[in-house]
Amino acid sequence: MGADYPEEVKARTMDWSHRNTAVAPEHPVEVWTGYDFPDRHNKYSRFHWTWKDFTGTDFDQTTGKTELIEFDGKKWDSRVSKEEDNFDFIMGG
């Protein structure tokens, strides 16, 4: 997705078909969610994105696995499609 750097965060692996159901306990993952946009030199915005700005993603750099990952302290948005229990947008998915 073009992130500038990966970040380590605690997360849960979730069931693809039942996105509100964890299939593994919380564990550290390395995810590409750090966006500094260095070539912009803060011209358009000083905002820098981190994992805290997302609910989850679908790739753990540490293991190289594609899996549904929900970040610590986050929950999928309840106001979206109920397909697969909750079809919230997955960053990179």
PDB file of N, CA and C in Angstrom:
ATOM      1  N   MET A   1       0.813  -1.197   0.000  1.00  0.00           N
ATOM      2  CA  MET A   1       0.000   0.000   0.000  1.00  0.00           C
ATOM      3  C   MET A   1       0.855   1.259   0.000  1.00  0.00           C
ATOM      4  N   GLY A   2       2.159   1.126  -0.101  1.00  0.00           N
ATOM      5  CA  GLY A   2       3.003   2.295  -0.245  1.00  0.00           C
ATOM      6  C   GLY A   2       3.421   2.979   1.034  1.00  0.00           C
ATOM      7  N   ALA A   3       3.353   2.287   2.166  1.00  0.00           N
ATOM      8  CA  ALA A   3       3.777   2.896   3.433  1.00  0.00           C
ATOM      9  C   ALA A   3       5.270   3.192   3.400  1.00  0.00           C
ATOM     10  N   ASP A   4       5.678   4.140   4.227  1.00  0.00           N
ATOM     11  CA  ASP A   4       7.081   4.508   4.310  1.00  0.00           C
ATOM     12  C   ASP A   4       7.879   3.588   5.230  1.00  0.00           C
ATOM     13  N   TYR A   5       7.194   3.005   6.222  1.00  0.00           N
ATOM     14  CA  TYR A   5       7.897   2.121   7.157  1.00  0.00           C
ATOM     15  C   TYR A   5       6.903   1.227   7.896  1.00  0.00           C
ATOM     16  N   PRO A   6       7.399   0.066   8.356  1.00  0.00           N
ATOM     17  CA  PRO A   6       6.538  -0.831   9.130  1.00  0.00           C
ATOM     18  C   PRO A   6       6.543  -0.445  10.604  1.00  0.00           C
ATOM     19  N   GLU A   7       5.497  -0.874  11.312  1.00  0.00           N
ATOM     20  CA  GLU A   7       5.392  -0.638  12.746  1.00  0.00           C
ATOM     21  C   GLU A   7       5.036  -1.940  13.436  1.00  0.00           C
ATOM     22  N   GLU A   8       5.495  -2.092  14.666  1.00  0.00           N
ATOM     23  CA  GLU A   8       5.109  -3.251  15.455  1.00  0.00           C
ATOM     24  C   GLU A   8       3.933  -2.856  16.342  1.00  0.00           C
ATOM     25  N   VAL A   9       2.921  -3.718  16.368  1.00  0.00           N
ATOM     26  CA  VAL A   9       1.719  -3.463  17.153  1.00  0.00           C
ATOM     27  C   VAL A   9       1.158  -4.792  17.634  1.00  0.00           C
ATOM     28  N   LYS A  10       0.463  -4.766  18.744  1.00  0.00           N
ATOM     29  CA  LYS A  10      -0.236  -5.965  19.207  1.00  0.00           C
ATOM     30  C   LYS A  10      -1.543  -6.064  18.432  1.00  0.00           C
ATOM     31  N   ALA A  11      -1.912  -7.296  18.064  1.00  0.00           N
ATOM     32  CA  ALA A  11      -3.114  -7.497  17.264  1.00  0.00           C
ATOM     33  C   ALA A  11      -3.652  -8.906  17.467  1.00  0.00           C
ATOM     34  N   ARG A  12      -4.862  -9.103  16.957  1.00  0.00           N
ATOM     35  CA  ARG A  12      -5.496 -10.421  16.968  1.00  0.00           C
ATOM     36  C   ARG A  12      -5.700 -10.866  15.534  1.00  0.00           C
ATOM     37  N   THR A  13      -5.507 -12.146  15.287  1.00  0.00           N
ATOM     38  CA  THR A  13      -5.848 -12.711  13.987  1.00  0.00           C
ATOM     39  C   THR A  13      -7.322 -13.085  14.043  1.00  0.00           C
ATOM     40  N   MET A  14      -8.076 -12.616  13.051  1.00  0.00           N
ATOM     41  CA  MET A  14      -9.520 -12.804  13.031  1.00  0.00           C
ATOM     42  C   MET A  14      -9.912 -13.781  11.930  1.00  0.00           C
ATOM     43  N   ASP A  15     -11.081 -14.384  12.083  1.00  0.00           N
ATOM     44  CA  ASP A  15     -11.630 -15.317  11.109  1.00  0.00           C
ATOM     45  C   ASP A  15     -12.134 -14.531   9.897  1.00  0.00           C
ATOM     46  N   TRP A  16     -11.683 -14.865   8.685  1.00  0.00           N
ATOM     47  CA  TRP A  16     -12.097 -14.160   7.469  1.00  0.00           C
ATOM     48  C   TRP A  16     -13.613 -14.208   7.274  1.00  0.00           C
ATOM     49  N   SER A  17     -14.245 -15.312   7.641  1.00  0.00           N
ATOM     50  CA  SER A  17     -15.687 -15.469   7.413  1.00  0.00           C
ATOM     51  C   SER A  17     -16.541 -14.924   8.550  1.00  0.00           C
ATOM     52  N   HIS A  18     -15.925 -14.719   9.694  1.00  0.00           N
ATOM     53  CA  HIS A  18     -16.615 -14.194  10.883  1.00  0.00           C
ATOM     54  C   HIS A  18     -15.678 -13.180  11.529  1.00  0.00           C
ATOM     55  N   ARG A  19     -15.621 -12.003  10.954  1.00  0.00           N
ATOM     56  CA  ARG A  19     -14.594 -11.009  11.278  1.00  0.00           C
ATOM     57  C   ARG A  19     -14.584 -10.501  12.713  1.00  0.00           C
ATOM     58  N   ASN A  20     -15.594 -10.822  13.484  1.00  0.00           N
ATOM     59  CA  ASN A  20     -15.606 -10.434  14.890  1.00  0.00           C
ATOM     60  C   ASN A  20     -15.138 -11.561  15.800  1.00  0.00           C
ATOM     61  N   THR A  21     -14.655 -12.647  15.205  1.00  0.00           N
ATOM     62  CA  THR A  21     -14.211 -13.814  15.958  1.00  0.00           C
ATOM     63  C   THR A  21     -12.694 -13.977  15.830  1.00  0.00           C
ATOM     64  N   ALA A  22     -12.011 -13.868  16.959  1.00  0.00           N
ATOM     65  CA  ALA A  22     -10.560 -14.055  16.959  1.00  0.00           C
ATOM     66  C   ALA A  22     -10.228 -15.540  16.820  1.00  0.00           C
ATOM     67  N   VAL A  23      -9.197 -15.842  16.027  1.00  0.00           N
ATOM     68  CA  VAL A  23      -8.750 -17.229  15.868  1.00  0.00           C
ATOM     69  C   VAL A  23      -7.376 -17.448  16.494  1.00  0.00           C
ATOM     70  N   ALA A  24      -6.810 -16.381  17.042  1.00  0.00           N
ATOM     71  CA  ALA A  24      -5.525 -16.471  17.738  1.00  0.00           C
ATOM     72  C   ALA A  24      -5.499 -15.374  18.798  1.00  0.00           C
ATOM     73  N   PRO A  25      -4.826 -15.626  19.914  1.00  0.00           N
ATOM     74  CA  PRO A  25      -4.740 -14.595  20.951  1.00  0.00           C
ATOM     75  C   PRO A  25      -3.901 -13.406  20.484  1.00  0.00           C
ATOM     76  N   GLU A  26      -4.008 -12.322  21.214  1.00  0.00           N
ATOM     77  CA  GLU A  26      -3.232 -11.128  20.883  1.00  0.00           C
ATOM     78  C   GLU A  26      -1.744 -11.463  20.822  1.00  0.00           C
ATOM     79  N   HIS A  27      -1.077 -10.932  19.811  1.00  0.00           N
ATOM     80  CA  HIS A  27       0.344 -11.187  19.615  1.00  0.00           C
ATOM     81  C   HIS A  27       0.958 -10.017  18.835  1.00  0.00           C
ATOM     82  N   PRO A  28       2.274  -9.850  18.890  1.00  0.00           N
ATOM     83  CA  PRO A  28       2.895  -8.753  18.138  1.00  0.00           C
ATOM     84  C   PRO A  28       2.940  -9.066  16.642  1.00  0.00           C
ATOM     85  N   VAL A  29       2.658  -8.066  15.833  1.00  0.00           N
ATOM     86  CA  VAL A  29       2.760  -8.168  14.385  1.00  0.00           C
ATOM     87  C   VAL A  29       3.538  -6.961  13.876  1.00  0.00           C
ATOM     88  N   GLU A  30       4.082  -7.084  12.682  1.00  0.00           N
ATOM     89  CA  GLU A  30       4.760  -5.959  12.039  1.00  0.00           C
ATOM     90  C   GLU A  30       3.973  -5.628  10.779  1.00  0.00           C
ATOM     91  N   VAL A  31       3.443  -4.416  10.728  1.00  0.00           N
ATOM     92  CA  VAL A  31       2.547  -4.013   9.652  1.00  0.00           C
ATOM     93  C   VAL A  31       3.033  -2.713   9.010  1.00  0.00           C
ATOM     94  N   TRP A  32       2.796  -2.597   7.711  1.00  0.00           N
ATOM     95  CA  TRP A  32       3.207  -1.410   6.961  1.00  0.00           C
ATOM     96  C   TRP A  32       2.126  -0.341   7.057  1.00  0.00           C
ATOM     97  N   THR A  33       2.207   0.463   8.110  1.00  0.00           N
ATOM     98  CA  THR A  33       1.188   1.482   8.359  1.00  0.00           C
ATOM     99  C   THR A  33       1.772   2.865   8.647  1.00  0.00           C
ATOM    100  N   GLY A  34       3.061   3.024   8.558  1.00  0.00           N
ATOM    101  CA  GLY A  34       3.692   4.317   8.823  1.00  0.00           C
ATOM    102  C   GLY A  34       3.839   5.142   7.556  1.00  0.00           C
ATOM    103  N   TYR A  35       3.157   6.285   7.523  1.00  0.00           N
ATOM    104  CA  TYR A  35       3.175   7.171   6.352  1.00  0.00           C
ATOM    105  C   TYR A  35       3.654   8.559   6.765  1.00  0.00           C
ATOM    106  N   ASP A  36       4.838   8.937   6.307  1.00  0.00           N
ATOM    107  CA  ASP A  36       5.377  10.272   6.589  1.00  0.00           C
ATOM    108  C   ASP A  36       5.317  11.192   5.375  1.00  0.00           C
ATOM    109  N   PHE A  37       5.220  10.648   4.178  1.00  0.00           N
ATOM    110  CA  PHE A  37       5.196  11.415   2.940  1.00  0.00           C
ATOM    111  C   PHE A  37       6.367  12.413   2.895  1.00  0.00           C
ATOM    112  N   PRO A  38       7.608  11.912   3.011  1.00  0.00           N
ATOM    113  CA  PRO A  38       8.765  12.804   3.123  1.00  0.00           C
ATOM    114  C   PRO A  38       8.958  13.749   1.939  1.00  0.00           C
ATOM    115  N   ASP A  39       8.575  13.336   0.743  1.00  0.00           N
ATOM    116  CA  ASP A  39       8.770  14.205  -0.425  1.00  0.00           C
ATOM    117  C   ASP A  39       7.845  15.413  -0.434  1.00  0.00           C
ATOM    118  N   ARG A  40       6.813  15.384   0.384  1.00  0.00           N
ATOM    119  CA  ARG A  40       5.886  16.521   0.457  1.00  0.00           C
ATOM    120  C   ARG A  40       6.405  17.634   1.363  1.00  0.00           C
ATOM    121  N   HIS A  41       7.338  17.298   2.250  1.00  0.00           N
ATOM    122  CA  HIS A  41       7.914  18.284   3.180  1.00  0.00           C
ATOM    123  C   HIS A  41       6.824  19.021   3.959  1.00  0.00           C
ATOM    124  N   ASN A  42       5.778  18.285   4.365  1.00  0.00           N
ATOM    125  CA  ASN A  42       4.651  18.839   5.123  1.00  0.00           C
ATOM    126  C   ASN A  42       3.896  19.951   4.396  1.00  0.00           C
ATOM    127  N   LYS A  43       4.041  20.036   3.073  1.00  0.00           N
ATOM    128  CA  LYS A  43       3.412  21.121   2.305  1.00  0.00           C
ATOM    129  C   LYS A  43       1.888  21.076   2.384  1.00  0.00           C
ATOM    130  N   TYR A  44       1.294  19.912   2.189  1.00  0.00           N
ATOM    131  CA  TYR A  44      -0.165  19.824   2.147  1.00  0.00           C
ATOM    132  C   TYR A  44      -0.770  19.517   3.509  1.00  0.00           C
ATOM    133  N   SER A  45       0.005  18.845   4.343  1.00  0.00           N
ATOM    134  CA  SER A  45      -0.480  18.482   5.672  1.00  0.00           C
ATOM    135  C   SER A  45       0.705  18.055   6.526  1.00  0.00           C
ATOM    136  N   ARG A  46       0.620  18.341   7.806  1.00  0.00           N
ATOM    137  CA  ARG A  46       1.653  17.893   8.740  1.00  0.00           C
ATOM    138  C   ARG A  46       1.283  16.556   9.369  1.00  0.00           C
ATOM    139  N   PHE A  47       0.110  16.031   8.991  1.00  0.00           N
ATOM    140  CA  PHE A  47      -0.370  14.782   9.556  1.00  0.00           C
ATOM    141  C   PHE A  47       0.465  13.611   9.057  1.00  0.00           C
ATOM    142  N   HIS A  48       0.848  12.736   9.974  1.00  0.00           N
ATOM    143  CA  HIS A  48       1.595  11.527   9.648  1.00  0.00           C
ATOM    144  C   HIS A  48       0.791  10.335  10.154  1.00  0.00           C
ATOM    145  N   TRP A  49       0.485   9.402   9.250  1.00  0.00           N
ATOM    146  CA  TRP A  49      -0.334   8.246   9.588  1.00  0.00           C
ATOM    147  C   TRP A  49       0.478   7.188  10.316  1.00  0.00           C
ATOM    148  N   THR A  50      -0.164   6.518  11.289  1.00  0.00           N
ATOM    149  CA  THR A  50       0.437   5.384  11.989  1.00  0.00           C
ATOM    150  C   THR A  50      -0.623   4.289  12.099  1.00  0.00           C
ATOM    151  N   TRP A  51      -0.269   3.167  12.690  1.00  0.00           N
ATOM    152  CA  TRP A  51      -1.225   2.061  12.860  1.00  0.00           C
ATOM    153  C   TRP A  51      -2.460   2.508  13.623  1.00  0.00           C
ATOM    154  N   LYS A  52      -2.322   3.518  14.464  1.00  0.00           N
ATOM    155  CA  LYS A  52      -3.447   3.991  15.276  1.00  0.00           C
ATOM    156  C   LYS A  52      -4.572   4.585  14.423  1.00  0.00           C
ATOM    157  N   ASP A  53      -4.270   4.920  13.173  1.00  0.00           N
ATOM    158  CA  ASP A  53      -5.258   5.517  12.280  1.00  0.00           C
ATOM    159  C   ASP A  53      -6.041   4.476  11.479  1.00  0.00           C
ATOM    160  N   PHE A  54      -5.777   3.196  11.732  1.00  0.00           N
ATOM    161  CA  PHE A  54      -6.428   2.106  11.016  1.00  0.00           C
ATOM    162  C   PHE A  54      -6.986   1.095  12.017  1.00  0.00           C
ATOM    163  N   THR A  55      -7.936   0.304  11.594  1.00  0.00           N
ATOM    164  CA  THR A  55      -8.509  -0.741  12.442  1.00  0.00           C
ATOM    165  C   THR A  55      -7.725  -2.037  12.300  1.00  0.00           C
ATOM    166  N   GLY A  56      -7.237  -2.283  11.101  1.00  0.00           N
ATOM    167  CA  GLY A  56      -6.503  -3.518  10.859  1.00  0.00           C
ATOM    168  C   GLY A  56      -5.952  -3.558   9.462  1.00  0.00           C
ATOM    169  N   THR A  57      -5.365  -4.696   9.131  1.00  0.00           N
ATOM    170  CA  THR A  57      -4.787  -4.898   7.806  1.00  0.00           C
ATOM    171  C   THR A  57      -4.815  -6.388   7.489  1.00  0.00           C
ATOM    172  N   ASP A  58      -4.133  -6.767   6.425  1.00  0.00           N
ATOM    173  CA  ASP A  58      -4.205  -8.172   6.022  1.00  0.00           C
ATOM    174  C   ASP A  58      -2.839  -8.825   5.804  1.00  0.00           C
ATOM    175  N   PHE A  59      -1.766  -8.211   6.319  1.00  0.00           N
ATOM    176  CA  PHE A  59      -0.443  -8.806   6.115  1.00  0.00           C
ATOM    177  C   PHE A  59       0.458  -8.540   7.307  1.00  0.00           C
ATOM    178  N   ASP A  60       1.077  -9.617   7.817  1.00  0.00           N
ATOM    179  CA  ASP A  60       2.045  -9.522   8.913  1.00  0.00           C
ATOM    180  C   ASP A  60       3.440  -9.726   8.335  1.00  0.00           C
ATOM    181  N   GLN A  61       4.225  -8.679   8.328  1.00  0.00           N
ATOM    182  CA  GLN A  61       5.585  -8.719   7.793  1.00  0.00           C
ATOM    183  C   GLN A  61       6.452  -9.728   8.548  1.00  0.00           C
ATOM    184  N   THR A  62       6.221  -9.886   9.852  1.00  0.00           N
ATOM    185  CA  THR A  62       7.028 -10.787  10.676  1.00  0.00           C
ATOM    186  C   THR A  62       6.938 -12.227  10.179  1.00  0.00           C
ATOM    187  N   THR A  63       5.726 -12.676   9.875  1.00  0.00           N
ATOM    188  CA  THR A  63       5.519 -14.063   9.451  1.00  0.00           C
ATOM    189  C   THR A  63       5.422 -14.204   7.941  1.00  0.00           C
ATOM    190  N   GLY A  64       5.163 -13.106   7.236  1.00  0.00           N
ATOM    191  CA  GLY A  64       4.959 -13.162   5.799  1.00  0.00           C
ATOM    192  C   GLY A  64       3.594 -13.716   5.426  1.00  0.00           C
ATOM    193  N   LYS A  65       2.695 -13.801   6.405  1.00  0.00           N
ATOM    194  CA  LYS A  65       1.373 -14.374   6.170  1.00  0.00           C
ATOM    195  C   LYS A  65       0.334 -13.300   5.842  1.00  0.00           C
ATOM    196  N   THR A  66      -0.540 -13.658   4.913  1.00  0.00           N
ATOM    197  CA  THR A  66      -1.721 -12.838   4.654  1.00  0.00           C
ATOM    198  C   THR A  66      -2.816 -13.369   5.553  1.00  0.00           C
ATOM    199  N   GLU A  67      -3.245 -12.546   6.481  1.00  0.00           N
ATOM    200  CA  GLU A  67      -4.292 -12.935   7.426  1.00  0.00           C
ATOM    201  C   GLU A  67      -5.046 -11.687   7.857  1.00  0.00           C
ATOM    202  N   LEU A  68      -6.231 -11.877   8.345  1.00  0.00           N
ATOM    203  CA  LEU A  68      -7.054 -10.756   8.802  1.00  0.00           C
ATOM    204  C   LEU A  68      -6.578 -10.357  10.193  1.00  0.00           C
ATOM    205  N   ILE A  69      -6.085  -9.132  10.320  1.00  0.00           N
ATOM    206  CA  ILE A  69      -5.486  -8.660  11.562  1.00  0.00           C
ATOM    207  C   ILE A  69      -6.267  -7.457  12.080  1.00  0.00           C
ATOM    208  N   GLU A  70      -6.737  -7.543  13.319  1.00  0.00           N
ATOM    209  CA  GLU A  70      -7.420  -6.420  13.977  1.00  0.00           C
ATOM    210  C   GLU A  70      -6.488  -5.901  15.067  1.00  0.00           C
ATOM    211  N   PHE A  71      -6.179  -4.613  15.020  1.00  0.00           N
ATOM    212  CA  PHE A  71      -5.219  -4.022  15.944  1.00  0.00           C
ATOM    213  C   PHE A  71      -5.753  -3.927  17.370  1.00  0.00           C
ATOM    214  N   ASP A  72      -4.837  -3.987  18.323  1.00  0.00           N
ATOM    215  CA  ASP A  72      -5.149  -3.889  19.746  1.00  0.00           C
ATOM    216  C   ASP A  72      -5.960  -2.631  20.035  1.00  0.00           C
ATOM    217  N   GLY A  73      -7.059  -2.808  20.762  1.00  0.00           N
ATOM    218  CA  GLY A  73      -7.893  -1.680  21.141  1.00  0.00           C
ATOM    219  C   GLY A  73      -8.836  -1.203  20.053  1.00  0.00           C
ATOM    220  N   LYS A  74      -8.843  -1.867  18.909  1.00  0.00           N
ATOM    221  CA  LYS A  74      -9.698  -1.470  17.785  1.00  0.00           C
ATOM    222  C   LYS A  74     -10.810  -2.491  17.579  1.00  0.00           C
ATOM    223  N   LYS A  75     -11.893  -2.051  16.972  1.00  0.00           N
ATOM    224  CA  LYS A  75     -13.014  -2.905  16.599  1.00  0.00           C
ATOM    225  C   LYS A  75     -13.480  -2.477  15.216  1.00  0.00           C
ATOM    226  N   TRP A  76     -13.903  -3.424  14.411  1.00  0.00           N
ATOM    227  CA  TRP A  76     -14.445  -3.103  13.096  1.00  0.00           C
ATOM    228  C   TRP A  76     -15.660  -2.200  13.266  1.00  0.00           C
ATOM    229  N   ASP A  77     -15.871  -1.318  12.335  1.00  0.00           N
ATOM    230  CA  ASP A  77     -16.993  -0.387  12.383  1.00  0.00           C
ATOM    231  C   ASP A  77     -18.306  -1.157  12.294  1.00  0.00           C
ATOM    232  N   SER A  78     -19.207  -0.930  13.230  1.00  0.00           N
ATOM    233  CA  SER A  78     -20.475  -1.659  13.268  1.00  0.00           C
ATOM    234  C   SER A  78     -21.504  -1.110  12.283  1.00  0.00           C
ATOM    235  N   ARG A  79     -21.217   0.025  11.637  1.00  0.00           N
ATOM    236  CA  ARG A  79     -22.192   0.651  10.739  1.00  0.00           C
ATOM    237  C   ARG A  79     -21.983   0.287   9.272  1.00  0.00           C
ATOM    238  N   VAL A  80     -21.316  -0.828   9.016  1.00  0.00           N
ATOM    239  CA  VAL A  80     -21.080  -1.258   7.635  1.00  0.00           C
ATOM    240  C   VAL A  80     -21.810  -2.566   7.369  1.00  0.00           C
ATOM    241  N   SER A  81     -21.618  -3.124   6.224  1.00  0.00           N
ATOM    242  CA  SER A  81     -22.278  -4.367   5.820  1.00  0.00           C
ATOM    243  C   SER A  81     -22.077  -5.473   6.852  1.00  0.00           C
ATOM    244  N   LYS A  82     -23.108  -6.267   7.056  1.00  0.00           N
ATOM    245  CA  LYS A  82     -23.020  -7.395   7.984  1.00  0.00           C
ATOM    246  C   LYS A  82     -22.510  -8.660   7.283  1.00  0.00           C
ATOM    247  N   GLU A  83     -22.168  -8.529   5.993  1.00  0.00           N
ATOM    248  CA  GLU A  83     -21.602  -9.663   5.268  1.00  0.00           C
ATOM    249  C   GLU A  83     -20.377 -10.182   6.020  1.00  0.00           C
ATOM    250  N   GLU A  84     -20.283 -11.489   6.188  1.00  0.00           N
ATOM    251  CA  GLU A  84     -19.186 -12.124   6.920  1.00  0.00           C
ATOM    252  C   GLU A  84     -19.067 -11.543   8.330  1.00  0.00           C
ATOM    253  N   ASP A  85     -20.187 -11.284   8.946  1.00  0.00           N
ATOM    254  CA  ASP A  85     -20.327 -10.709  10.288  1.00  0.00           C
ATOM    255  C   ASP A  85     -19.965  -9.232  10.367  1.00  0.00           C
ATOM    256  N   ASN A  86     -19.096  -8.764   9.529  1.00  0.00           N
ATOM    257  CA  ASN A  86     -18.762  -7.346   9.502  1.00  0.00           C
ATOM    258  C   ASN A  86     -17.781  -7.122   8.353  1.00  0.00           C
ATOM    259  N   PHE A  87     -18.234  -6.496   7.297  1.00  0.00           N
ATOM    260  CA  PHE A  87     -17.395  -6.315   6.120  1.00  0.00           C
ATOM    261  C   PHE A  87     -16.768  -4.926   6.104  1.00  0.00           C
ATOM    262  N   ASP A  88     -16.146  -4.547   7.202  1.00  0.00           N
ATOM    263  CA  ASP A  88     -15.428  -3.286   7.289  1.00  0.00           C
ATOM    264  C   ASP A  88     -14.270  -3.330   6.276  1.00  0.00           C
ATOM    265  N   PHE A  89     -13.849  -2.193   5.788  1.00  0.00           N
ATOM    266  CA  PHE A  89     -12.720  -2.138   4.866  1.00  0.00           C
ATOM    267  C   PHE A  89     -11.446  -2.598   5.556  1.00  0.00           C
ATOM    268  N   ILE A  90     -10.705  -3.424   4.870  1.00  0.00           N
ATOM    269  CA  ILE A  90      -9.426  -3.918   5.382  1.00  0.00           C
ATOM    270  C   ILE A  90      -8.327  -3.213   4.612  1.00  0.00           C
ATOM    271  N   MET A  91      -7.459  -2.505   5.310  1.00  0.00           N
ATOM    272  CA  MET A  91      -6.367  -1.823   4.624  1.00  0.00           C
ATOM    273  C   MET A  91      -5.545  -2.847   3.865  1.00  0.00           C
ATOM    274  N   GLY A  92      -5.428  -2.650   2.583  1.00  0.00           N
ATOM    275  CA  GLY A  92      -4.644  -3.547   1.742  1.00  0.00           C
ATOM    276  C   GLY A  92      -5.424  -4.757   1.265  1.00  0.00           C
ATOM    277  N   GLY A  93      -6.637  -4.941   1.762  1.00  0.00           N
ATOM    278  CA  GLY A  93      -7.419  -6.129   1.423  1.00  0.00           C
ATOM    279  C   GLY A  93      -8.166  -6.006   0.130  1.00  0.00           C
TER     280      GLY A  93
END
